[in-house]
Amino acid sequence: MSSLTTYNALGEIAAAEFADIVVSAQVLCLPTGDPLKLRLDLVDHSLLDVFLSSSGRYSYHWERRLIAAGDLYRHDNTPHDWWRHVATFPRHFHDGSEGNVVESHLDPNPEHAIRQVLTFVRQKLTT
């Protein structure tokens, strides 16, 4: 499955299954035309960016800094040395801020992971 195909599939899941919180889904591309990431615009005017690399790196980054909440949430697997204490290293979750890092139990399958992340977003938006 190509990156573009994967991003399109994830965008379709987001739009169909999470229409109550996802306003739009678009694949952002590099000048070369290669896909860079999937961007989801959410009902609270925040953004969720999904980045998947062919080397297995990923990031599901929900940015809320530009709105009143001012927080961010991100699952990623970048092996930063300062997160070695996290039991699931290199997988980790930034819970509300860059510095508040905990274990990440995100499913390795992107189609399952997008559902987990958007379920979390939905819960945060409705509480």
N, C-alpha and C. Protein backbone atom coordinates (compact mmCIF):
# COMPACT_ATOMS: atom_id res chain seq x y z
N MET A 1 0.85 -1.18 0.00
CA MET A 1 0.00 0.00 0.00
C MET A 1 0.89 1.24 0.00
N SER A 2 0.68 2.12 -0.92
CA SER A 2 1.48 3.34 -0.98
C SER A 2 1.07 4.31 0.13
N SER A 3 1.94 5.28 0.41
CA SER A 3 1.63 6.29 1.43
C SER A 3 0.37 7.06 1.09
N LEU A 4 0.23 7.42 -0.19
CA LEU A 4 -0.96 8.16 -0.61
C LEU A 4 -2.21 7.33 -0.39
N THR A 5 -2.13 6.06 -0.74
CA THR A 5 -3.27 5.16 -0.53
C THR A 5 -3.60 5.04 0.95
N THR A 6 -2.56 4.91 1.78
CA THR A 6 -2.77 4.81 3.22
C THR A 6 -3.41 6.08 3.77
N TYR A 7 -2.86 7.24 3.42
CA TYR A 7 -3.42 8.51 3.89
C TYR A 7 -4.86 8.69 3.41
N ASN A 8 -5.14 8.34 2.18
CA ASN A 8 -6.51 8.45 1.68
C ASN A 8 -7.45 7.54 2.46
N ALA A 9 -7.01 6.32 2.75
CA ALA A 9 -7.83 5.38 3.52
C ALA A 9 -8.10 5.91 4.92
N LEU A 10 -7.08 6.48 5.56
CA LEU A 10 -7.26 7.04 6.90
C LEU A 10 -8.19 8.25 6.87
N GLY A 11 -8.06 9.07 5.84
CA GLY A 11 -8.95 10.22 5.69
C GLY A 11 -10.39 9.79 5.51
N GLU A 12 -10.61 8.71 4.76
CA GLU A 12 -11.97 8.19 4.57
C GLU A 12 -12.54 7.66 5.87
N ILE A 13 -11.74 6.96 6.66
CA ILE A 13 -12.19 6.48 7.97
C ILE A 13 -12.58 7.66 8.84
N ALA A 14 -11.72 8.67 8.89
CA ALA A 14 -11.98 9.84 9.73
C ALA A 14 -13.27 10.54 9.32
N ALA A 15 -13.44 10.76 8.02
CA ALA A 15 -14.63 11.48 7.53
C ALA A 15 -15.91 10.68 7.72
N ALA A 16 -15.84 9.37 7.52
CA ALA A 16 -17.05 8.54 7.60
C ALA A 16 -17.43 8.19 9.04
N GLU A 17 -16.45 7.80 9.84
CA GLU A 17 -16.75 7.29 11.18
C GLU A 17 -16.72 8.36 12.26
N PHE A 18 -16.12 9.49 11.96
CA PHE A 18 -15.99 10.55 12.96
C PHE A 18 -16.48 11.89 12.41
N ALA A 19 -17.53 11.83 11.61
CA ALA A 19 -18.08 13.03 10.97
C ALA A 19 -18.56 14.06 11.99
N ASP A 20 -18.85 13.64 13.21
CA ASP A 20 -19.30 14.57 14.24
C ASP A 20 -18.17 15.47 14.74
N ILE A 21 -16.91 15.07 14.52
CA ILE A 21 -15.78 15.89 14.98
C ILE A 21 -14.81 16.29 13.87
N VAL A 22 -14.84 15.59 12.74
CA VAL A 22 -13.91 15.89 11.63
C VAL A 22 -14.63 16.73 10.58
N VAL A 23 -14.13 17.94 10.35
CA VAL A 23 -14.71 18.85 9.37
C VAL A 23 -14.20 18.52 7.98
N SER A 24 -12.89 18.27 7.87
CA SER A 24 -12.32 17.93 6.57
C SER A 24 -11.05 17.11 6.75
N ALA A 25 -10.70 16.40 5.70
CA ALA A 25 -9.48 15.59 5.68
C ALA A 25 -8.78 15.84 4.35
N GLN A 26 -7.50 16.15 4.42
CA GLN A 26 -6.76 16.35 3.18
C GLN A 26 -5.34 15.83 3.33
N VAL A 27 -4.83 15.29 2.24
CA VAL A 27 -3.44 14.84 2.21
C VAL A 27 -2.59 16.02 1.75
N LEU A 28 -1.62 16.40 2.56
CA LEU A 28 -0.70 17.47 2.21
C LEU A 28 0.52 16.83 1.54
N CYS A 29 0.96 17.41 0.43
CA CYS A 29 2.05 16.84 -0.35
C CYS A 29 3.24 17.77 -0.41
N LEU A 30 4.40 17.17 -0.65
CA LEU A 30 5.63 17.91 -0.88
C LEU A 30 5.58 18.52 -2.28
N PRO A 31 6.45 19.46 -2.59
CA PRO A 31 6.48 20.03 -3.96
C PRO A 31 6.68 18.96 -5.04
N THR A 32 7.29 17.85 -4.67
CA THR A 32 7.50 16.75 -5.62
C THR A 32 6.22 15.99 -5.92
N GLY A 33 5.18 16.25 -5.12
CA GLY A 33 3.92 15.52 -5.27
C GLY A 33 3.81 14.33 -4.34
N ASP A 34 4.90 14.00 -3.65
CA ASP A 34 4.87 12.90 -2.69
C ASP A 34 4.08 13.32 -1.45
N PRO A 35 3.28 12.42 -0.91
CA PRO A 35 2.48 12.77 0.27
C PRO A 35 3.37 13.00 1.50
N LEU A 36 3.03 14.01 2.27
CA LEU A 36 3.76 14.35 3.48
C LEU A 36 3.01 13.86 4.72
N LYS A 37 1.72 14.19 4.78
CA LYS A 37 0.91 13.83 5.94
C LYS A 37 -0.56 14.01 5.64
N LEU A 38 -1.37 13.47 6.51
CA LEU A 38 -2.81 13.66 6.47
C LEU A 38 -3.16 14.73 7.49
N ARG A 39 -3.92 15.74 7.09
CA ARG A 39 -4.36 16.78 8.01
C ARG A 39 -5.87 16.70 8.16
N LEU A 40 -6.30 16.63 9.41
CA LEU A 40 -7.73 16.64 9.74
C LEU A 40 -8.05 17.94 10.43
N ASP A 41 -9.04 18.67 9.91
CA ASP A 41 -9.55 19.86 10.57
C ASP A 41 -10.71 19.42 11.43
N LEU A 42 -10.69 19.84 12.69
CA LEU A 42 -11.70 19.39 13.66
C LEU A 42 -12.69 20.50 14.01
N VAL A 43 -13.81 20.09 14.58
CA VAL A 43 -14.90 21.03 14.84
C VAL A 43 -14.54 22.16 15.80
N ASP A 44 -13.52 21.97 16.62
CA ASP A 44 -13.12 23.04 17.55
C ASP A 44 -12.05 23.95 16.94
N HIS A 45 -11.82 23.82 15.63
CA HIS A 45 -10.84 24.61 14.88
C HIS A 45 -9.39 24.20 15.17
N SER A 46 -9.22 23.03 15.76
CA SER A 46 -7.87 22.50 15.97
C SER A 46 -7.52 21.56 14.82
N LEU A 47 -6.26 21.12 14.80
CA LEU A 47 -5.77 20.26 13.72
C LEU A 47 -5.22 18.96 14.28
N LEU A 48 -5.43 17.89 13.52
CA LEU A 48 -4.80 16.61 13.82
C LEU A 48 -4.00 16.23 12.59
N ASP A 49 -2.68 16.11 12.75
CA ASP A 49 -1.81 15.71 11.65
C ASP A 49 -1.34 14.28 11.88
N VAL A 50 -1.39 13.48 10.82
CA VAL A 50 -0.93 12.09 10.86
C VAL A 50 0.24 11.97 9.90
N PHE A 51 1.38 11.56 10.43
CA PHE A 51 2.58 11.36 9.63
C PHE A 51 3.01 9.91 9.75
N LEU A 52 3.18 9.24 8.63
CA LEU A 52 3.63 7.85 8.58
C LEU A 52 4.80 7.78 7.61
N SER A 53 5.91 7.17 8.03
CA SER A 53 7.05 7.06 7.12
C SER A 53 7.23 5.61 6.68
N SER A 54 7.92 5.45 5.59
CA SER A 54 8.19 4.10 5.09
C SER A 54 9.14 3.35 6.01
N SER A 55 9.87 4.06 6.87
CA SER A 55 10.78 3.41 7.82
C SER A 55 10.08 2.98 9.10
N GLY A 56 8.78 3.26 9.20
CA GLY A 56 8.04 2.84 10.39
C GLY A 56 7.82 3.92 11.42
N ARG A 57 8.38 5.08 11.21
CA ARG A 57 8.14 6.19 12.14
C ARG A 57 6.72 6.71 11.94
N TYR A 58 6.13 7.20 13.04
CA TYR A 58 4.78 7.76 12.94
C TYR A 58 4.60 8.87 13.96
N SER A 59 3.61 9.68 13.71
CA SER A 59 3.19 10.73 14.63
C SER A 59 1.72 11.02 14.39
N TYR A 60 0.94 10.98 15.45
CA TYR A 60 -0.47 11.39 15.43
C TYR A 60 -0.52 12.59 16.36
N HIS A 61 -0.53 13.77 15.79
CA HIS A 61 -0.31 15.01 16.54
C HIS A 61 -1.57 15.88 16.51
N TRP A 62 -2.20 16.05 17.68
CA TRP A 62 -3.38 16.90 17.80
C TRP A 62 -2.94 18.21 18.43
N GLU A 63 -2.98 19.25 17.66
CA GLU A 63 -2.49 20.57 18.07
C GLU A 63 -3.65 21.47 18.44
N ARG A 64 -3.66 21.96 19.69
CA ARG A 64 -4.71 22.85 20.15
C ARG A 64 -4.14 24.15 20.70
N ARG A 65 -2.92 24.46 20.36
CA ARG A 65 -2.26 25.66 20.90
C ARG A 65 -2.88 26.95 20.40
N LEU A 66 -3.50 26.92 19.23
CA LEU A 66 -4.05 28.15 18.65
C LEU A 66 -5.47 28.46 19.12
N ILE A 67 -6.02 27.60 19.95
CA ILE A 67 -7.35 27.85 20.49
C ILE A 67 -7.25 27.96 22.01
N ALA A 68 -8.35 28.22 22.65
CA ALA A 68 -8.36 28.49 24.09
C ALA A 68 -7.74 27.36 24.91
N ALA A 69 -7.92 26.11 24.51
CA ALA A 69 -7.41 24.99 25.30
C ALA A 69 -5.89 25.04 25.39
N GLY A 70 -5.22 25.36 24.28
CA GLY A 70 -3.79 25.54 24.29
C GLY A 70 -2.95 24.31 24.55
N ASP A 71 -3.48 23.14 24.35
CA ASP A 71 -2.73 21.94 24.65
C ASP A 71 -2.42 21.13 23.39
N LEU A 72 -1.61 20.09 23.57
CA LEU A 72 -1.32 19.21 22.45
C LEU A 72 -1.24 17.77 22.95
N TYR A 73 -1.54 16.88 22.05
CA TYR A 73 -1.50 15.44 22.33
C TYR A 73 -0.82 14.79 21.14
N ARG A 74 0.16 13.91 21.42
CA ARG A 74 0.84 13.28 20.30
C ARG A 74 1.34 11.89 20.67
N HIS A 75 0.95 10.92 19.86
CA HIS A 75 1.56 9.60 19.91
C HIS A 75 2.65 9.61 18.86
N ASP A 76 3.86 9.20 19.24
CA ASP A 76 4.91 9.04 18.24
C ASP A 76 5.93 8.01 18.72
N ASN A 77 6.82 7.65 17.81
CA ASN A 77 7.83 6.65 18.16
C ASN A 77 9.24 7.13 17.83
N THR A 78 9.45 8.43 17.91
CA THR A 78 10.80 8.97 17.74
C THR A 78 11.60 8.62 19.00
N PRO A 79 12.75 7.94 18.85
CA PRO A 79 13.47 7.44 20.02
C PRO A 79 14.35 8.49 20.72
N HIS A 80 13.72 9.52 21.24
CA HIS A 80 14.47 10.54 21.99
C HIS A 80 14.99 9.93 23.29
N ASP A 81 16.26 10.14 23.58
CA ASP A 81 16.87 9.57 24.78
C ASP A 81 16.15 9.98 26.06
N TRP A 82 15.62 11.21 26.10
CA TRP A 82 15.01 11.68 27.34
C TRP A 82 13.69 10.97 27.66
N TRP A 83 13.17 10.13 26.76
CA TRP A 83 11.95 9.36 27.06
C TRP A 83 12.26 7.88 27.29
N ARG A 84 13.54 7.52 27.46
CA ARG A 84 13.93 6.12 27.68
C ARG A 84 13.25 5.50 28.90
N HIS A 85 12.89 6.31 29.88
CA HIS A 85 12.24 5.80 31.09
C HIS A 85 10.82 5.31 30.84
N VAL A 86 10.23 5.68 29.72
CA VAL A 86 8.85 5.27 29.41
C VAL A 86 8.86 3.79 29.04
N ALA A 87 8.03 3.01 29.68
CA ALA A 87 8.03 1.55 29.52
C ALA A 87 7.83 1.09 28.07
N THR A 88 7.11 1.88 27.27
CA THR A 88 6.84 1.48 25.88
C THR A 88 7.84 2.10 24.90
N PHE A 89 8.94 2.67 25.40
CA PHE A 89 9.94 3.32 24.56
C PHE A 89 10.33 2.42 23.38
N PRO A 90 10.41 2.98 22.16
CA PRO A 90 10.37 4.42 21.82
C PRO A 90 8.96 4.97 21.65
N ARG A 91 7.93 4.12 21.71
CA ARG A 91 6.56 4.59 21.60
C ARG A 91 6.21 5.38 22.86
N HIS A 92 5.63 6.56 22.68
CA HIS A 92 5.25 7.38 23.82
C HIS A 92 4.12 8.32 23.44
N PHE A 93 3.51 8.91 24.46
CA PHE A 93 2.35 9.79 24.27
C PHE A 93 2.58 11.08 25.03
N HIS A 94 2.53 12.21 24.31
CA HIS A 94 2.60 13.54 24.92
C HIS A 94 1.17 13.88 25.33
N ASP A 95 0.93 13.88 26.62
CA ASP A 95 -0.43 14.01 27.16
C ASP A 95 -0.70 15.42 27.65
N GLY A 96 -1.07 16.30 26.72
CA GLY A 96 -1.44 17.67 27.08
C GLY A 96 -0.34 18.69 26.85
N SER A 97 0.93 18.23 26.85
CA SER A 97 2.06 19.13 26.60
C SER A 97 3.26 18.33 26.12
N GLU A 98 4.25 19.04 25.59
CA GLU A 98 5.48 18.38 25.12
C GLU A 98 6.17 17.61 26.23
N GLY A 99 6.18 18.17 27.43
CA GLY A 99 6.94 17.58 28.52
C GLY A 99 6.24 16.52 29.33
N ASN A 100 4.93 16.39 29.20
CA ASN A 100 4.19 15.38 29.96
C ASN A 100 4.08 14.12 29.09
N VAL A 101 5.00 13.19 29.27
CA VAL A 101 5.09 12.02 28.41
C VAL A 101 4.82 10.76 29.21
N VAL A 102 3.94 9.92 28.65
CA VAL A 102 3.56 8.66 29.28
C VAL A 102 3.63 7.54 28.24
N GLU A 103 3.31 6.32 28.68
CA GLU A 103 3.30 5.17 27.78
C GLU A 103 2.28 5.36 26.66
N SER A 104 2.58 4.76 25.52
CA SER A 104 1.65 4.76 24.39
C SER A 104 1.31 3.33 24.05
N HIS A 105 0.03 3.04 24.02
CA HIS A 105 -0.45 1.71 23.65
C HIS A 105 -1.22 1.79 22.34
N LEU A 106 -0.76 2.65 21.45
CA LEU A 106 -1.39 2.84 20.16
C LEU A 106 -1.17 1.60 19.30
N ASP A 107 -2.23 1.16 18.65
CA ASP A 107 -2.16 -0.01 17.79
C ASP A 107 -1.20 0.27 16.64
N PRO A 108 -0.36 -0.69 16.26
CA PRO A 108 0.58 -0.46 15.16
C PRO A 108 -0.09 -0.37 13.78
N ASN A 109 -1.31 -0.85 13.65
CA ASN A 109 -2.05 -0.78 12.39
C ASN A 109 -2.63 0.63 12.26
N PRO A 110 -2.22 1.40 11.22
CA PRO A 110 -2.70 2.78 11.10
C PRO A 110 -4.22 2.92 11.08
N GLU A 111 -4.94 1.96 10.50
CA GLU A 111 -6.40 2.07 10.47
C GLU A 111 -7.00 1.91 11.86
N HIS A 112 -6.39 1.08 12.68
CA HIS A 112 -6.85 0.95 14.07
C HIS A 112 -6.40 2.15 14.89
N ALA A 113 -5.16 2.59 14.64
CA ALA A 113 -4.61 3.72 15.40
C ALA A 113 -5.42 5.00 15.18
N ILE A 114 -5.81 5.28 13.94
CA ILE A 114 -6.59 6.50 13.69
C ILE A 114 -7.91 6.46 14.44
N ARG A 115 -8.49 5.28 14.54
CA ARG A 115 -9.73 5.15 15.30
C ARG A 115 -9.49 5.38 16.80
N GLN A 116 -8.39 4.85 17.31
CA GLN A 116 -8.06 5.09 18.72
C GLN A 116 -7.87 6.57 19.00
N VAL A 117 -7.09 7.22 18.15
CA VAL A 117 -6.79 8.63 18.35
C VAL A 117 -8.06 9.48 18.24
N LEU A 118 -8.88 9.22 17.23
CA LEU A 118 -10.09 10.03 17.06
C LEU A 118 -11.14 9.73 18.14
N THR A 119 -11.14 8.55 18.68
CA THR A 119 -12.01 8.25 19.82
C THR A 119 -11.56 9.07 21.02
N PHE A 120 -10.25 9.17 21.24
CA PHE A 120 -9.70 10.00 22.31
C PHE A 120 -10.09 11.47 22.10
N VAL A 121 -9.93 11.95 20.87
CA VAL A 121 -10.28 13.34 20.55
C VAL A 121 -11.76 13.59 20.83
N ARG A 122 -12.61 12.69 20.37
CA ARG A 122 -14.05 12.82 20.59
C ARG A 122 -14.36 12.92 22.09
N GLN A 123 -13.73 12.07 22.88
CA GLN A 123 -13.96 12.11 24.34
C GLN A 123 -13.52 13.43 24.93
N LYS A 124 -12.36 13.94 24.50
CA LYS A 124 -11.87 15.22 25.01
C LYS A 124 -12.78 16.38 24.62
N LEU A 125 -13.32 16.32 23.41
CA LEU A 125 -14.17 17.41 22.93
C LEU A 125 -15.55 17.42 23.58
N THR A 126 -15.98 16.29 24.08
CA THR A 126 -17.33 16.21 24.65
C THR A 126 -17.32 16.21 26.19
N THR A 127 -16.16 16.40 26.80
CA THR A 127 -16.13 16.45 28.28
C THR A 127 -15.85 17.84 28.78
